[in-house]
Amino acid sequence: MDVPTALLLKLDRYTYDREISNRLVLKVANNNPGKDGHWCAEKALWDIERDRY
């Protein structure tokens, strides 16, 4: 899956770990088949921001 590096860097600011960021994106991808990597990364980022604030 092709995930933009910029979105992974944004996720890394919350998780402090690239492996965790990748797992979050993969979990979103598994729950939403047919969506591209950009959408999955945006969704993972949105989920973290929603839960954090």
PDB file of N, CA and C in Angstrom:
ATOM      1  N   MET A   1       0.851  -1.168   0.000  1.00  0.00           N
ATOM      2  CA  MET A   1       0.000   0.000   0.000  1.00  0.00           C
ATOM      3  C   MET A   1       0.898   1.234   0.000  1.00  0.00           C
ATOM      4  N   ASP A   2       0.558   2.180  -0.847  1.00  0.00           N
ATOM      5  CA  ASP A   2       1.340   3.402  -0.983  1.00  0.00           C
ATOM      6  C   ASP A   2       0.752   4.475  -0.066  1.00  0.00           C
ATOM      7  N   VAL A   3       1.501   4.804   0.991  1.00  0.00           N
ATOM      8  CA  VAL A   3       1.065   5.807   1.960  1.00  0.00           C
ATOM      9  C   VAL A   3       2.012   6.998   1.872  1.00  0.00           C
ATOM     10  N   PRO A   4       1.486   8.205   1.713  1.00  0.00           N
ATOM     11  CA  PRO A   4       2.352   9.385   1.639  1.00  0.00           C
ATOM     12  C   PRO A   4       3.196   9.555   2.903  1.00  0.00           C
ATOM     13  N   THR A   5       4.455   9.846   2.697  1.00  0.00           N
ATOM     14  CA  THR A   5       5.390  10.000   3.812  1.00  0.00           C
ATOM     15  C   THR A   5       4.971  11.142   4.733  1.00  0.00           C
ATOM     16  N   ALA A   6       4.438  12.204   4.169  1.00  0.00           N
ATOM     17  CA  ALA A   6       4.029  13.348   4.979  1.00  0.00           C
ATOM     18  C   ALA A   6       2.951  12.948   5.993  1.00  0.00           C
ATOM     19  N   LEU A   7       2.035  12.093   5.587  1.00  0.00           N
ATOM     20  CA  LEU A   7       0.988  11.655   6.515  1.00  0.00           C
ATOM     21  C   LEU A   7       1.553  10.732   7.580  1.00  0.00           C
ATOM     22  N   LEU A   8       2.507   9.893   7.202  1.00  0.00           N
ATOM     23  CA  LEU A   8       3.146   9.031   8.198  1.00  0.00           C
ATOM     24  C   LEU A   8       3.918   9.869   9.218  1.00  0.00           C
ATOM     25  N   LEU A   9       4.547  10.928   8.762  1.00  0.00           N
ATOM     26  CA  LEU A   9       5.260  11.803   9.691  1.00  0.00           C
ATOM     27  C   LEU A   9       4.293  12.471  10.670  1.00  0.00           C
ATOM     28  N   LYS A  10       3.115  12.853  10.191  1.00  0.00           N
ATOM     29  CA  LYS A  10       2.112  13.432  11.089  1.00  0.00           C
ATOM     30  C   LYS A  10       1.662  12.407  12.122  1.00  0.00           C
ATOM     31  N   LEU A  11       1.453  11.168  11.683  1.00  0.00           N
ATOM     32  CA  LEU A  11       1.078  10.110  12.621  1.00  0.00           C
ATOM     33  C   LEU A  11       2.193   9.860  13.629  1.00  0.00           C
ATOM     34  N   ASP A  12       3.426   9.906  13.154  1.00  0.00           N
ATOM     35  CA  ASP A  12       4.576   9.673  14.038  1.00  0.00           C
ATOM     36  C   ASP A  12       4.636  10.699  15.165  1.00  0.00           C
ATOM     37  N   ARG A  13       4.139  11.886  14.935  1.00  0.00           N
ATOM     38  CA  ARG A  13       4.136  12.907  15.995  1.00  0.00           C
ATOM     39  C   ARG A  13       3.254  12.499  17.169  1.00  0.00           C
ATOM     40  N   TYR A  14       2.248  11.690  16.894  1.00  0.00           N
ATOM     41  CA  TYR A  14       1.370  11.204  17.957  1.00  0.00           C
ATOM     42  C   TYR A  14       1.856   9.884  18.543  1.00  0.00           C
ATOM     43  N   THR A  15       2.364   8.997  17.690  1.00  0.00           N
ATOM     44  CA  THR A  15       2.725   7.654  18.147  1.00  0.00           C
ATOM     45  C   THR A  15       4.178   7.542  18.582  1.00  0.00           C
ATOM     46  N   TYR A  16       5.044   8.406  18.082  1.00  0.00           N
ATOM     47  CA  TYR A  16       6.484   8.369  18.344  1.00  0.00           C
ATOM     48  C   TYR A  16       7.142   7.086  17.848  1.00  0.00           C
ATOM     49  N   ASP A  17       6.470   6.362  16.954  1.00  0.00           N
ATOM     50  CA  ASP A  17       7.008   5.090  16.470  1.00  0.00           C
ATOM     51  C   ASP A  17       6.417   4.796  15.091  1.00  0.00           C
ATOM     52  N   ARG A  18       7.281   4.643  14.097  1.00  0.00           N
ATOM     53  CA  ARG A  18       6.816   4.394  12.725  1.00  0.00           C
ATOM     54  C   ARG A  18       6.081   3.061  12.617  1.00  0.00           C
ATOM     55  N   GLU A  19       6.524   2.056  13.354  1.00  0.00           N
ATOM     56  CA  GLU A  19       5.859   0.747  13.294  1.00  0.00           C
ATOM     57  C   GLU A  19       4.409   0.852  13.767  1.00  0.00           C
ATOM     58  N   ILE A  20       4.189   1.593  14.824  1.00  0.00           N
ATOM     59  CA  ILE A  20       2.827   1.785  15.323  1.00  0.00           C
ATOM     60  C   ILE A  20       2.001   2.566  14.305  1.00  0.00           C
ATOM     61  N   SER A  21       2.589   3.575  13.709  1.00  0.00           N
ATOM     62  CA  SER A  21       1.883   4.350  12.681  1.00  0.00           C
ATOM     63  C   SER A  21       1.469   3.456  11.522  1.00  0.00           C
ATOM     64  N   ASN A  22       2.379   2.601  11.081  1.00  0.00           N
ATOM     65  CA  ASN A  22       2.059   1.686   9.984  1.00  0.00           C
ATOM     66  C   ASN A  22       0.947   0.722  10.374  1.00  0.00           C
ATOM     67  N   ARG A  23       0.987   0.232  11.614  1.00  0.00           N
ATOM     68  CA  ARG A  23      -0.062  -0.691  12.065  1.00  0.00           C
ATOM     69  C   ARG A  23      -1.422  -0.020  12.105  1.00  0.00           C
ATOM     70  N   LEU A  24      -1.462   1.248  12.521  1.00  0.00           N
ATOM     71  CA  LEU A  24      -2.736   1.971  12.541  1.00  0.00           C
ATOM     72  C   LEU A  24      -3.305   2.104  11.134  1.00  0.00           C
ATOM     73  N   VAL A  25      -2.440   2.434  10.175  1.00  0.00           N
ATOM     74  CA  VAL A  25      -2.895   2.578   8.787  1.00  0.00           C
ATOM     75  C   VAL A  25      -3.361   1.231   8.252  1.00  0.00           C
ATOM     76  N   LEU A  26      -2.634   0.166   8.553  1.00  0.00           N
ATOM     77  CA  LEU A  26      -3.034  -1.168   8.085  1.00  0.00           C
ATOM     78  C   LEU A  26      -4.357  -1.606   8.701  1.00  0.00           C
ATOM     79  N   LYS A  27      -4.579  -1.269   9.968  1.00  0.00           N
ATOM     80  CA  LYS A  27      -5.841  -1.620  10.608  1.00  0.00           C
ATOM     81  C   LYS A  27      -7.007  -0.922   9.918  1.00  0.00           C
ATOM     82  N   VAL A  28      -6.821   0.359   9.603  1.00  0.00           N
ATOM     83  CA  VAL A  28      -7.860   1.101   8.891  1.00  0.00           C
ATOM     84  C   VAL A  28      -8.085   0.483   7.515  1.00  0.00           C
ATOM     85  N   ALA A  29      -7.005   0.089   6.841  1.00  0.00           N
ATOM     86  CA  ALA A  29      -7.119  -0.512   5.510  1.00  0.00           C
ATOM     87  C   ALA A  29      -7.870  -1.839   5.571  1.00  0.00           C
ATOM     88  N   ASN A  30      -7.618  -2.628   6.600  1.00  0.00           N
ATOM     89  CA  ASN A  30      -8.320  -3.906   6.740  1.00  0.00           C
ATOM     90  C   ASN A  30      -9.800  -3.708   7.017  1.00  0.00           C
ATOM     91  N   ASN A  31     -10.135  -2.643   7.739  1.00  0.00           N
ATOM     92  CA  ASN A  31     -11.540  -2.370   8.046  1.00  0.00           C
ATOM     93  C   ASN A  31     -12.275  -1.675   6.906  1.00  0.00           C
ATOM     94  N   ASN A  32     -11.531  -1.145   5.930  1.00  0.00           N
ATOM     95  CA  ASN A  32     -12.124  -0.418   4.808  1.00  0.00           C
ATOM     96  C   ASN A  32     -11.515  -0.880   3.494  1.00  0.00           C
ATOM     97  N   PRO A  33     -11.842  -2.097   3.072  1.00  0.00           N
ATOM     98  CA  PRO A  33     -11.246  -2.596   1.822  1.00  0.00           C
ATOM     99  C   PRO A  33     -11.632  -1.722   0.633  1.00  0.00           C
ATOM    100  N   GLY A  34     -10.697  -1.580  -0.273  1.00  0.00           N
ATOM    101  CA  GLY A  34     -10.944  -0.790  -1.470  1.00  0.00           C
ATOM    102  C   GLY A  34     -10.482   0.653  -1.360  1.00  0.00           C
ATOM    103  N   LYS A  35     -10.144   1.102  -0.166  1.00  0.00           N
ATOM    104  CA  LYS A  35      -9.663   2.474   0.006  1.00  0.00           C
ATOM    105  C   LYS A  35      -8.157   2.502  -0.227  1.00  0.00           C
ATOM    106  N   ASP A  36      -7.662   3.624  -0.746  1.00  0.00           N
ATOM    107  CA  ASP A  36      -6.226   3.726  -1.024  1.00  0.00           C
ATOM    108  C   ASP A  36      -5.452   4.125   0.232  1.00  0.00           C
ATOM    109  N   GLY A  37      -4.131   4.087   0.131  1.00  0.00           N
ATOM    110  CA  GLY A  37      -3.266   4.359   1.266  1.00  0.00           C
ATOM    111  C   GLY A  37      -3.407   5.764   1.810  1.00  0.00           C
ATOM    112  N   HIS A  38      -3.614   6.732   0.934  1.00  0.00           N
ATOM    113  CA  HIS A  38      -3.786   8.118   1.366  1.00  0.00           C
ATOM    114  C   HIS A  38      -5.026   8.246   2.242  1.00  0.00           C
ATOM    115  N   TRP A  39      -6.126   7.665   1.804  1.00  0.00           N
ATOM    116  CA  TRP A  39      -7.364   7.736   2.564  1.00  0.00           C
ATOM    117  C   TRP A  39      -7.199   7.060   3.920  1.00  0.00           C
ATOM    118  N   CYS A  40      -6.553   5.903   3.940  1.00  0.00           N
ATOM    119  CA  CYS A  40      -6.374   5.156   5.191  1.00  0.00           C
ATOM    120  C   CYS A  40      -5.502   5.928   6.174  1.00  0.00           C
ATOM    121  N   ALA A  41      -4.462   6.577   5.685  1.00  0.00           N
ATOM    122  CA  ALA A  41      -3.605   7.365   6.559  1.00  0.00           C
ATOM    123  C   ALA A  41      -4.360   8.580   7.102  1.00  0.00           C
ATOM    124  N   GLU A  42      -5.141   9.229   6.253  1.00  0.00           N
ATOM    125  CA  GLU A  42      -5.954  10.372   6.699  1.00  0.00           C
ATOM    126  C   GLU A  42      -6.945   9.934   7.771  1.00  0.00           C
ATOM    127  N   LYS A  43      -7.566   8.775   7.572  1.00  0.00           N
ATOM    128  CA  LYS A  43      -8.545   8.257   8.534  1.00  0.00           C
ATOM    129  C   LYS A  43      -7.870   7.919   9.855  1.00  0.00           C
ATOM    130  N   ALA A  44      -6.709   7.278   9.806  1.00  0.00           N
ATOM    131  CA  ALA A  44      -5.978   6.942  11.032  1.00  0.00           C
ATOM    132  C   ALA A  44      -5.594   8.219  11.779  1.00  0.00           C
ATOM    133  N   LEU A  45      -5.155   9.223  11.058  1.00  0.00           N
ATOM    134  CA  LEU A  45      -4.792  10.496  11.663  1.00  0.00           C
ATOM    135  C   LEU A  45      -6.019  11.175  12.271  1.00  0.00           C
ATOM    136  N   TRP A  46      -7.112  11.160  11.556  1.00  0.00           N
ATOM    137  CA  TRP A  46      -8.350  11.751  12.063  1.00  0.00           C
ATOM    138  C   TRP A  46      -8.802  11.034  13.329  1.00  0.00           C
ATOM    139  N   ASP A  47      -8.722   9.700  13.336  1.00  0.00           N
ATOM    140  CA  ASP A  47      -9.127   8.928  14.510  1.00  0.00           C
ATOM    141  C   ASP A  47      -8.282   9.287  15.727  1.00  0.00           C
ATOM    142  N   ILE A  48      -6.985   9.409  15.542  1.00  0.00           N
ATOM    143  CA  ILE A  48      -6.105   9.760  16.664  1.00  0.00           C
ATOM    144  C   ILE A  48      -6.408  11.166  17.158  1.00  0.00           C
ATOM    145  N   GLU A  49      -6.554  12.114  16.257  1.00  0.00           N
ATOM    146  CA  GLU A  49      -6.831  13.486  16.677  1.00  0.00           C
ATOM    147  C   GLU A  49      -8.184  13.593  17.375  1.00  0.00           C
ATOM    148  N   ARG A  50      -9.152  12.860  16.913  1.00  0.00           N
ATOM    149  CA  ARG A  50     -10.477  12.891  17.517  1.00  0.00           C
ATOM    150  C   ARG A  50     -10.430  12.339  18.944  1.00  0.00           C
ATOM    151  N   ASP A  51      -9.689  11.258  19.133  1.00  0.00           N
ATOM    152  CA  ASP A  51      -9.613  10.644  20.451  1.00  0.00           C
ATOM    153  C   ASP A  51      -8.719  11.426  21.404  1.00  0.00           C
ATOM    154  N   ARG A  52      -7.752  12.129  20.862  1.00  0.00           N
ATOM    155  CA  ARG A  52      -6.777  12.812  21.707  1.00  0.00           C
ATOM    156  C   ARG A  52      -7.330  14.124  22.250  1.00  0.00           C
ATOM    157  N   TYR A  53      -8.147  14.828  21.474  1.00  0.00           N
ATOM    158  CA  TYR A  53      -8.603  16.154  21.908  1.00  0.00           C
ATOM    159  C   TYR A  53     -10.073  16.183  22.195  1.00  0.00           C
TER     160      TYR A  53
END
